[in-house]
Amino acid sequence: MAGRLYIVPTPVGNLEDMSFRAVSVLRSVDLILAEDTRTSSVLLHHYDIHVPLQSHHKYNEHQTVELIREKILSGLSVALVSDAGTPGISDPGFLLARACAQAGIEVQTLPGATACIPALVSSGLPCDRFVFEGFLPQKKGRSSALSALAGETRTLVFYESPYRLVKTLQQMAEFFGAERKCSVAREISKIHEEHRRGTLVEVASWFEAHPPKGEIVIVVAGAEPVKEKKKKYGRGEEGGEEA
């Protein structure tokens, strides 16, 4: 009988954000796949979890997916964790989840920590409809991506490196408009959590003067919807009075 694949979110900051169920699942599986075994070892030690660890990251996942799938088909239960947050959201996980699903293996994803949702809800921007874009292309395709998103009316959510934050905000001001509202969340769920709100130009200026550190989430207001002009019909034309 085949085993099962568990996708297990881990805290993005405070270790106490771990759910009871996540701890229970990690204690019960036969193998834990970790993006960085050193980082995950700290979490496992904190919760007294003693399960074999195996490395599974973006540089080796193409080579290891089939082997892991075969282990699960042989009866092993496997949990996948990333360094922080939910695997598959801008982290390794998609390839393994797809391979297991295609093989008829049960894939269970536990609800839990992710940086984008707290940043979105705390931003003060509309969060009933939003678009998660993850990381923008670093070079090729970056301008095209920003241009394509300029007219998006839903709130936009991005991940970014602190080293590229100022440049990214400046580019967004260029493509979206300098007065577009935004919020930058830094170090979600950690001691030095910070939310900086304002226009794209204002927030870019702030971080240019105060170089940021840590994990970054950018939330940008959507574009104003374009109001369609109603057609006016004359006498005898479609929608007008009959001649």
C-alpha atoms as a PDB file:
ATOM      1  CA  MET A   1       0.000   0.000   0.000  1.00  0.00           C
ATOM      2  CA  ALA A   2       1.316   3.429  -0.983  1.00  0.00           C
ATOM      3  CA  GLY A   3       2.287   5.928   1.637  1.00  0.00           C
ATOM      4  CA  ARG A   4       1.329   9.574   1.641  1.00  0.00           C
ATOM      5  CA  LEU A   5       2.949  12.934   0.917  1.00  0.00           C
ATOM      6  CA  TYR A   6       2.375  15.711   3.435  1.00  0.00           C
ATOM      7  CA  ILE A   7       3.133  19.322   2.545  1.00  0.00           C
ATOM      8  CA  VAL A   8       3.864  20.946   5.913  1.00  0.00           C
ATOM      9  CA  PRO A   9       4.146  24.725   6.415  1.00  0.00           C
ATOM     10  CA  THR A  10       6.760  25.915   8.891  1.00  0.00           C
ATOM     11  CA  PRO A  11       6.989  29.266  10.727  1.00  0.00           C
ATOM     12  CA  VAL A  12       8.168  32.300   8.762  1.00  0.00           C
ATOM     13  CA  GLY A  13       9.456  33.843  11.983  1.00  0.00           C
ATOM     14  CA  ASN A  14       8.312  32.883  15.469  1.00  0.00           C
ATOM     15  CA  LEU A  15       8.765  29.152  16.100  1.00  0.00           C
ATOM     16  CA  GLU A  16       5.558  29.187  18.160  1.00  0.00           C
ATOM     17  CA  ASP A  17       3.571  29.686  14.936  1.00  0.00           C
ATOM     18  CA  MET A  18       3.901  25.948  14.277  1.00  0.00           C
ATOM     19  CA  SER A  19       0.511  24.193  14.439  1.00  0.00           C
ATOM     20  CA  PHE A  20      -0.205  21.200  16.686  1.00  0.00           C
ATOM     21  CA  ARG A  21      -1.108  19.144  13.638  1.00  0.00           C
ATOM     22  CA  ALA A  22       2.121  20.051  11.825  1.00  0.00           C
ATOM     23  CA  VAL A  23       4.168  18.831  14.791  1.00  0.00           C
ATOM     24  CA  SER A  24       2.111  15.641  14.989  1.00  0.00           C
ATOM     25  CA  VAL A  25       2.564  14.905  11.274  1.00  0.00           C
ATOM     26  CA  LEU A  26       6.324  15.507  11.365  1.00  0.00           C
ATOM     27  CA  ARG A  27       6.639  13.117  14.300  1.00  0.00           C
ATOM     28  CA  SER A  28       4.648  10.406  12.515  1.00  0.00           C
ATOM     29  CA  VAL A  29       6.246  10.259   9.046  1.00  0.00           C
ATOM     30  CA  ASP A  30       9.117   8.035   7.928  1.00  0.00           C
ATOM     31  CA  LEU A  31      11.104  10.774   6.187  1.00  0.00           C
ATOM     32  CA  ILE A  32      11.226  14.578   6.149  1.00  0.00           C
ATOM     33  CA  LEU A  33      12.380  16.399   3.021  1.00  0.00           C
ATOM     34  CA  ALA A  34      13.966  19.748   3.867  1.00  0.00           C
ATOM     35  CA  GLU A  35      15.054  22.669   1.710  1.00  0.00           C
ATOM     36  CA  ASP A  36      18.013  23.163   4.052  1.00  0.00           C
ATOM     37  CA  THR A  37      18.594  20.383   6.587  1.00  0.00           C
ATOM     38  CA  ARG A  38      20.535  22.734   8.894  1.00  0.00           C
ATOM     39  CA  THR A  39      17.639  25.194   9.115  1.00  0.00           C
ATOM     40  CA  SER A  40      15.033  22.454   9.564  1.00  0.00           C
ATOM     41  CA  SER A  41      17.143  20.733  12.227  1.00  0.00           C
ATOM     42  CA  VAL A  42      16.694  23.763  14.486  1.00  0.00           C
ATOM     43  CA  LEU A  43      12.908  23.516  14.179  1.00  0.00           C
ATOM     44  CA  LEU A  44      12.857  19.753  14.690  1.00  0.00           C
ATOM     45  CA  HIS A  45      15.087  20.011  17.741  1.00  0.00           C
ATOM     46  CA  HIS A  46      12.804  22.691  19.207  1.00  0.00           C
ATOM     47  CA  TYR A  47       9.831  20.316  18.972  1.00  0.00           C
ATOM     48  CA  ASP A  48      11.754  17.150  19.906  1.00  0.00           C
ATOM     49  CA  ILE A  49      11.172  15.530  16.515  1.00  0.00           C
ATOM     50  CA  HIS A  50      13.539  12.695  15.615  1.00  0.00           C
ATOM     51  CA  VAL A  51      12.864  11.658  12.011  1.00  0.00           C
ATOM     52  CA  PRO A  52      15.430  11.160   9.229  1.00  0.00           C
ATOM     53  CA  LEU A  53      16.069  14.279   7.134  1.00  0.00           C
ATOM     54  CA  GLN A  54      16.862  14.398   3.430  1.00  0.00           C
ATOM     55  CA  SER A  55      17.793  17.433   1.348  1.00  0.00           C
ATOM     56  CA  HIS A  56      15.238  18.525  -1.256  1.00  0.00           C
ATOM     57  CA  HIS A  57      15.810  21.938  -2.855  1.00  0.00           C
ATOM     58  CA  LYS A  58      15.559  23.700  -6.206  1.00  0.00           C
ATOM     59  CA  TYR A  59      19.011  22.510  -7.278  1.00  0.00           C
ATOM     60  CA  ASN A  60      18.335  18.788  -6.855  1.00  0.00           C
ATOM     61  CA  GLU A  61      14.546  18.369  -6.993  1.00  0.00           C
ATOM     62  CA  HIS A  62      14.526  17.357 -10.676  1.00  0.00           C
ATOM     63  CA  GLN A  63      16.906  14.492  -9.863  1.00  0.00           C
ATOM     64  CA  THR A  64      15.222  13.352  -6.626  1.00  0.00           C
ATOM     65  CA  VAL A  65      11.501  13.544  -7.451  1.00  0.00           C
ATOM     66  CA  GLU A  66      11.247  10.081  -9.029  1.00  0.00           C
ATOM     67  CA  LEU A  67      13.198   8.415  -6.230  1.00  0.00           C
ATOM     68  CA  ILE A  68      11.009  10.004  -3.564  1.00  0.00           C
ATOM     69  CA  ARG A  69       7.841   9.091  -5.440  1.00  0.00           C
ATOM     70  CA  GLU A  70       8.979   5.449  -5.564  1.00  0.00           C
ATOM     71  CA  LYS A  71       9.666   5.479  -1.814  1.00  0.00           C
ATOM     72  CA  ILE A  72       6.133   6.707  -1.161  1.00  0.00           C
ATOM     73  CA  LEU A  73       4.669   4.107  -3.527  1.00  0.00           C
ATOM     74  CA  SER A  74       6.564   1.454  -1.567  1.00  0.00           C
ATOM     75  CA  GLY A  75       4.702   2.485   1.587  1.00  0.00           C
ATOM     76  CA  LEU A  76       6.720   5.289   3.207  1.00  0.00           C
ATOM     77  CA  SER A  77       5.008   8.437   4.433  1.00  0.00           C
ATOM     78  CA  VAL A  78       6.982  11.565   3.593  1.00  0.00           C
ATOM     79  CA  ALA A  79       6.687  15.176   4.745  1.00  0.00           C
ATOM     80  CA  LEU A  80       8.030  18.108   2.736  1.00  0.00           C
ATOM     81  CA  VAL A  81       9.044  21.336   4.490  1.00  0.00           C
ATOM     82  CA  SER A  82      10.787  24.494   3.281  1.00  0.00           C
ATOM     83  CA  ASP A  83      13.011  26.846   5.247  1.00  0.00           C
ATOM     84  CA  ALA A  84       9.963  28.965   6.087  1.00  0.00           C
ATOM     85  CA  GLY A  85       6.334  29.117   5.029  1.00  0.00           C
ATOM     86  CA  THR A  86       4.387  26.769   2.777  1.00  0.00           C
ATOM     87  CA  PRO A  87       6.375  24.605   0.319  1.00  0.00           C
ATOM     88  CA  GLY A  88       5.488  25.309  -3.298  1.00  0.00           C
ATOM     89  CA  ILE A  89       4.863  29.034  -2.729  1.00  0.00           C
ATOM     90  CA  SER A  90       8.064  30.443  -4.269  1.00  0.00           C
ATOM     91  CA  ASP A  91       9.807  27.402  -2.764  1.00  0.00           C
ATOM     92  CA  PRO A  92      10.444  23.801  -3.927  1.00  0.00           C
ATOM     93  CA  GLY A  93       7.375  21.584  -3.809  1.00  0.00           C
ATOM     94  CA  PHE A  94       5.433  21.850  -7.042  1.00  0.00           C
ATOM     95  CA  LEU A  95       7.331  19.146  -8.941  1.00  0.00           C
ATOM     96  CA  LEU A  96       6.996  16.573  -6.153  1.00  0.00           C
ATOM     97  CA  ALA A  97       3.329  17.344  -5.526  1.00  0.00           C
ATOM     98  CA  ARG A  98       2.583  16.980  -9.235  1.00  0.00           C
ATOM     99  CA  ALA A  99       4.534  13.738  -9.581  1.00  0.00           C
ATOM    100  CA  CYS A 100       2.748  12.204  -6.585  1.00  0.00           C
ATOM    101  CA  ALA A 101      -0.685  13.361  -7.713  1.00  0.00           C
ATOM    102  CA  GLN A 102      -0.088  11.908 -11.185  1.00  0.00           C
ATOM    103  CA  ALA A 103       0.944   8.595  -9.599  1.00  0.00           C
ATOM    104  CA  GLY A 104      -2.287   8.442  -7.576  1.00  0.00           C
ATOM    105  CA  ILE A 105      -0.523   9.144  -4.279  1.00  0.00           C
ATOM    106  CA  GLU A 106      -2.543  11.048  -1.687  1.00  0.00           C
ATOM    107  CA  VAL A 107      -1.130  14.547  -1.187  1.00  0.00           C
ATOM    108  CA  GLN A 108      -2.228  16.399   1.938  1.00  0.00           C
ATOM    109  CA  THR A 109      -1.254  20.049   2.376  1.00  0.00           C
ATOM    110  CA  LEU A 110      -1.633  21.357   5.893  1.00  0.00           C
ATOM    111  CA  PRO A 111      -2.887  24.934   6.302  1.00  0.00           C
ATOM    112  CA  GLY A 112      -0.342  27.160   7.960  1.00  0.00           C
ATOM    113  CA  ALA A 113       2.252  29.880   7.777  1.00  0.00           C
ATOM    114  CA  THR A 114       2.946  31.935   4.686  1.00  0.00           C
ATOM    115  CA  ALA A 115       4.353  35.461   4.537  1.00  0.00           C
ATOM    116  CA  CYS A 116       2.106  36.826   1.784  1.00  0.00           C
ATOM    117  CA  ILE A 117      -1.248  36.627   3.615  1.00  0.00           C
ATOM    118  CA  PRO A 118      -0.247  38.489   6.836  1.00  0.00           C
ATOM    119  CA  ALA A 119       1.467  41.146   4.702  1.00  0.00           C
ATOM    120  CA  LEU A 120      -1.625  41.539   2.531  1.00  0.00           C
ATOM    121  CA  VAL A 121      -4.102  41.742   5.410  1.00  0.00           C
ATOM    122  CA  SER A 122      -1.901  44.180   7.375  1.00  0.00           C
ATOM    123  CA  SER A 123      -1.348  46.446   4.371  1.00  0.00           C
ATOM    124  CA  GLY A 124      -4.655  48.271   4.648  1.00  0.00           C
ATOM    125  CA  LEU A 125      -5.178  47.671   0.907  1.00  0.00           C
ATOM    126  CA  PRO A 126      -8.163  45.701  -0.463  1.00  0.00           C
ATOM    127  CA  CYS A 127      -7.616  41.981   0.152  1.00  0.00           C
ATOM    128  CA  ASP A 128     -10.901  40.520  -1.092  1.00  0.00           C
ATOM    129  CA  ARG A 129      -9.333  40.064  -4.548  1.00  0.00           C
ATOM    130  CA  PHE A 130      -5.583  39.889  -5.113  1.00  0.00           C
ATOM    131  CA  VAL A 131      -2.880  38.514  -7.395  1.00  0.00           C
ATOM    132  CA  PHE A 132       0.201  36.771  -5.998  1.00  0.00           C
ATOM    133  CA  GLU A 133       3.173  37.234  -8.337  1.00  0.00           C
ATOM    134  CA  GLY A 134       5.976  35.824  -6.188  1.00  0.00           C
ATOM    135  CA  PHE A 135       9.425  37.036  -7.294  1.00  0.00           C
ATOM    136  CA  LEU A 136       9.670  39.167 -10.428  1.00  0.00           C
ATOM    137  CA  PRO A 137      12.195  38.057 -13.057  1.00  0.00           C
ATOM    138  CA  GLN A 138      15.574  39.456 -12.061  1.00  0.00           C
ATOM    139  CA  LYS A 139      16.634  40.454 -15.582  1.00  0.00           C
ATOM    140  CA  LYS A 140      15.023  39.088 -18.746  1.00  0.00           C
ATOM    141  CA  GLY A 141      11.277  39.639 -18.801  1.00  0.00           C
ATOM    142  CA  ARG A 142      11.200  42.005 -15.810  1.00  0.00           C
ATOM    143  CA  SER A 143      10.026  45.071 -17.730  1.00  0.00           C
ATOM    144  CA  SER A 144       7.489  43.008 -19.668  1.00  0.00           C
ATOM    145  CA  ALA A 145       6.070  41.589 -16.428  1.00  0.00           C
ATOM    146  CA  LEU A 146       5.696  45.029 -14.838  1.00  0.00           C
ATOM    147  CA  SER A 147       4.153  46.445 -17.994  1.00  0.00           C
ATOM    148  CA  ALA A 148       1.617  43.607 -18.142  1.00  0.00           C
ATOM    149  CA  LEU A 149       0.634  44.210 -14.502  1.00  0.00           C
ATOM    150  CA  ALA A 150       0.265  47.993 -14.782  1.00  0.00           C
ATOM    151  CA  GLY A 151      -3.454  47.773 -15.564  1.00  0.00           C
ATOM    152  CA  GLU A 152      -4.277  44.978 -13.082  1.00  0.00           C
ATOM    153  CA  THR A 153      -7.114  46.183 -10.841  1.00  0.00           C
ATOM    154  CA  ARG A 154      -6.642  43.582  -8.114  1.00  0.00           C
ATOM    155  CA  THR A 155      -4.156  44.131  -5.283  1.00  0.00           C
ATOM    156  CA  LEU A 156      -0.691  42.846  -6.230  1.00  0.00           C
ATOM    157  CA  VAL A 157       1.570  40.843  -3.902  1.00  0.00           C
ATOM    158  CA  PHE A 158       5.273  40.244  -4.536  1.00  0.00           C
ATOM    159  CA  TYR A 159       8.242  38.694  -2.749  1.00  0.00           C
ATOM    160  CA  GLU A 160      11.545  40.525  -3.040  1.00  0.00           C
ATOM    161  CA  SER A 161      15.120  40.444  -1.799  1.00  0.00           C
ATOM    162  CA  PRO A 162      16.087  43.309   0.542  1.00  0.00           C
ATOM    163  CA  TYR A 163      19.021  44.010  -1.813  1.00  0.00           C
ATOM    164  CA  ARG A 164      16.682  44.668  -4.768  1.00  0.00           C
ATOM    165  CA  LEU A 165      13.811  46.315  -2.858  1.00  0.00           C
ATOM    166  CA  VAL A 166      14.578  49.971  -3.604  1.00  0.00           C
ATOM    167  CA  LYS A 167      15.219  49.316  -7.292  1.00  0.00           C
ATOM    168  CA  THR A 168      12.010  47.283  -7.551  1.00  0.00           C
ATOM    169  CA  LEU A 169       9.901  49.994  -5.913  1.00  0.00           C
ATOM    170  CA  GLN A 170      11.407  52.597  -8.235  1.00  0.00           C
ATOM    171  CA  GLN A 171      10.639  50.448 -11.269  1.00  0.00           C
ATOM    172  CA  MET A 172       7.084  49.906 -10.044  1.00  0.00           C
ATOM    173  CA  ALA A 173       6.696  53.679  -9.690  1.00  0.00           C
ATOM    174  CA  GLU A 174       7.831  54.005 -13.295  1.00  0.00           C
ATOM    175  CA  PHE A 175       5.383  51.410 -14.644  1.00  0.00           C
ATOM    176  CA  PHE A 176       2.451  51.758 -12.220  1.00  0.00           C
ATOM    177  CA  GLY A 177       2.663  55.467 -11.419  1.00  0.00           C
ATOM    178  CA  ALA A 178       4.525  57.270  -8.650  1.00  0.00           C
ATOM    179  CA  GLU A 179       1.375  57.850  -6.577  1.00  0.00           C
ATOM    180  CA  ARG A 180       0.251  54.191  -6.510  1.00  0.00           C
ATOM    181  CA  LYS A 181      -0.234  53.121  -2.889  1.00  0.00           C
ATOM    182  CA  CYS A 182       1.843  50.286  -1.470  1.00  0.00           C
ATOM    183  CA  SER A 183       2.910  48.579   1.724  1.00  0.00           C
ATOM    184  CA  VAL A 184       6.210  46.824   2.372  1.00  0.00           C
ATOM    185  CA  ALA A 185       6.215  44.176   5.107  1.00  0.00           C
ATOM    186  CA  ARG A 186       9.563  43.145   6.530  1.00  0.00           C
ATOM    187  CA  GLU A 187      10.417  40.273   8.880  1.00  0.00           C
ATOM    188  CA  ILE A 188       6.836  38.974   9.295  1.00  0.00           C
ATOM    189  CA  SER A 189       6.320  37.276  12.691  1.00  0.00           C
ATOM    190  CA  LYS A 190       9.814  38.182  13.898  1.00  0.00           C
ATOM    191  CA  ILE A 191      11.016  40.553  16.623  1.00  0.00           C
ATOM    192  CA  HIS A 192      11.758  43.399  14.198  1.00  0.00           C
ATOM    193  CA  GLU A 193       8.586  43.095  12.096  1.00  0.00           C
ATOM    194  CA  GLU A 194       7.920  46.307  10.187  1.00  0.00           C
ATOM    195  CA  HIS A 195       5.209  47.622   7.851  1.00  0.00           C
ATOM    196  CA  ARG A 196       6.003  50.717   5.808  1.00  0.00           C
ATOM    197  CA  ARG A 197       3.040  52.245   3.937  1.00  0.00           C
ATOM    198  CA  GLY A 198       2.713  55.112   1.451  1.00  0.00           C
ATOM    199  CA  THR A 199       3.127  55.761  -2.250  1.00  0.00           C
ATOM    200  CA  LEU A 200       5.677  53.787  -4.221  1.00  0.00           C
ATOM    201  CA  VAL A 201       7.964  56.831  -4.358  1.00  0.00           C
ATOM    202  CA  GLU A 202       7.626  57.547  -0.633  1.00  0.00           C
ATOM    203  CA  VAL A 203       8.370  53.987   0.422  1.00  0.00           C
ATOM    204  CA  ALA A 204      11.265  53.693  -2.035  1.00  0.00           C
ATOM    205  CA  SER A 205      12.776  56.873  -0.568  1.00  0.00           C
ATOM    206  CA  TRP A 206      12.396  55.566   2.972  1.00  0.00           C
ATOM    207  CA  PHE A 207      14.218  52.314   2.274  1.00  0.00           C
ATOM    208  CA  GLU A 208      16.860  54.103   0.237  1.00  0.00           C
ATOM    209  CA  ALA A 209      17.673  56.054   3.415  1.00  0.00           C
ATOM    210  CA  HIS A 210      17.158  53.027   5.689  1.00  0.00           C
ATOM    211  CA  PRO A 211      18.612  49.930   3.933  1.00  0.00           C
ATOM    212  CA  PRO A 212      16.364  46.952   4.768  1.00  0.00           C
ATOM    213  CA  LYS A 213      17.266  43.507   6.038  1.00  0.00           C
ATOM    214  CA  GLY A 214      15.314  40.254   6.207  1.00  0.00           C
ATOM    215  CA  GLU A 215      12.375  38.798   4.301  1.00  0.00           C
ATOM    216  CA  ILE A 216      10.353  41.273   2.219  1.00  0.00           C
ATOM    217  CA  VAL A 217       6.759  41.269   0.930  1.00  0.00           C
ATOM    218  CA  ILE A 218       5.552  44.116  -1.308  1.00  0.00           C
ATOM    219  CA  VAL A 219       1.813  44.795  -1.542  1.00  0.00           C
ATOM    220  CA  VAL A 220       0.702  47.255  -4.224  1.00  0.00           C
ATOM    221  CA  ALA A 221      -2.757  48.705  -4.796  1.00  0.00           C
ATOM    222  CA  GLY A 222      -4.443  47.689  -8.019  1.00  0.00           C
ATOM    223  CA  ALA A 223      -5.020  50.125 -10.864  1.00  0.00           C
ATOM    224  CA  GLU A 224      -8.193  52.180 -10.908  1.00  0.00           C
ATOM    225  CA  PRO A 225     -10.798  50.415 -13.075  1.00  0.00           C
ATOM    226  CA  VAL A 226     -11.299  52.051 -16.459  1.00  0.00           C
ATOM    227  CA  LYS A 227     -14.870  53.292 -16.709  1.00  0.00           C
ATOM    228  CA  GLU A 228     -16.490  52.446 -20.017  1.00  0.00           C
ATOM    229  CA  LYS A 229     -18.176  55.329 -21.760  1.00  0.00           C
ATOM    230  CA  LYS A 230     -21.794  54.681 -22.670  1.00  0.00           C
ATOM    231  CA  LYS A 231     -22.525  54.955 -26.369  1.00  0.00           C
ATOM    232  CA  LYS A 232     -24.922  57.655 -27.390  1.00  0.00           C
ATOM    233  CA  TYR A 233     -27.286  56.748 -30.178  1.00  0.00           C
ATOM    234  CA  GLY A 234     -29.027  59.209 -32.438  1.00  0.00           C
ATOM    235  CA  ARG A 235     -32.535  58.992 -33.898  1.00  0.00           C
ATOM    236  CA  GLY A 236     -32.942  55.971 -36.123  1.00  0.00           C
ATOM    237  CA  GLU A 237     -29.707  54.342 -34.912  1.00  0.00           C
ATOM    238  CA  GLU A 238     -29.397  51.112 -32.902  1.00  0.00           C
ATOM    239  CA  GLY A 239     -30.696  51.653 -29.416  1.00  0.00           C
ATOM    240  CA  GLY A 240     -32.423  54.934 -30.384  1.00  0.00           C
ATOM    241  CA  GLU A 241     -35.970  55.756 -31.431  1.00  0.00           C
ATOM    242  CA  GLU A 242     -37.379  54.301 -34.553  1.00  0.00           C
ATOM    243  CA  ALA A 243     -37.598  56.642 -37.536  1.00  0.00           C
END
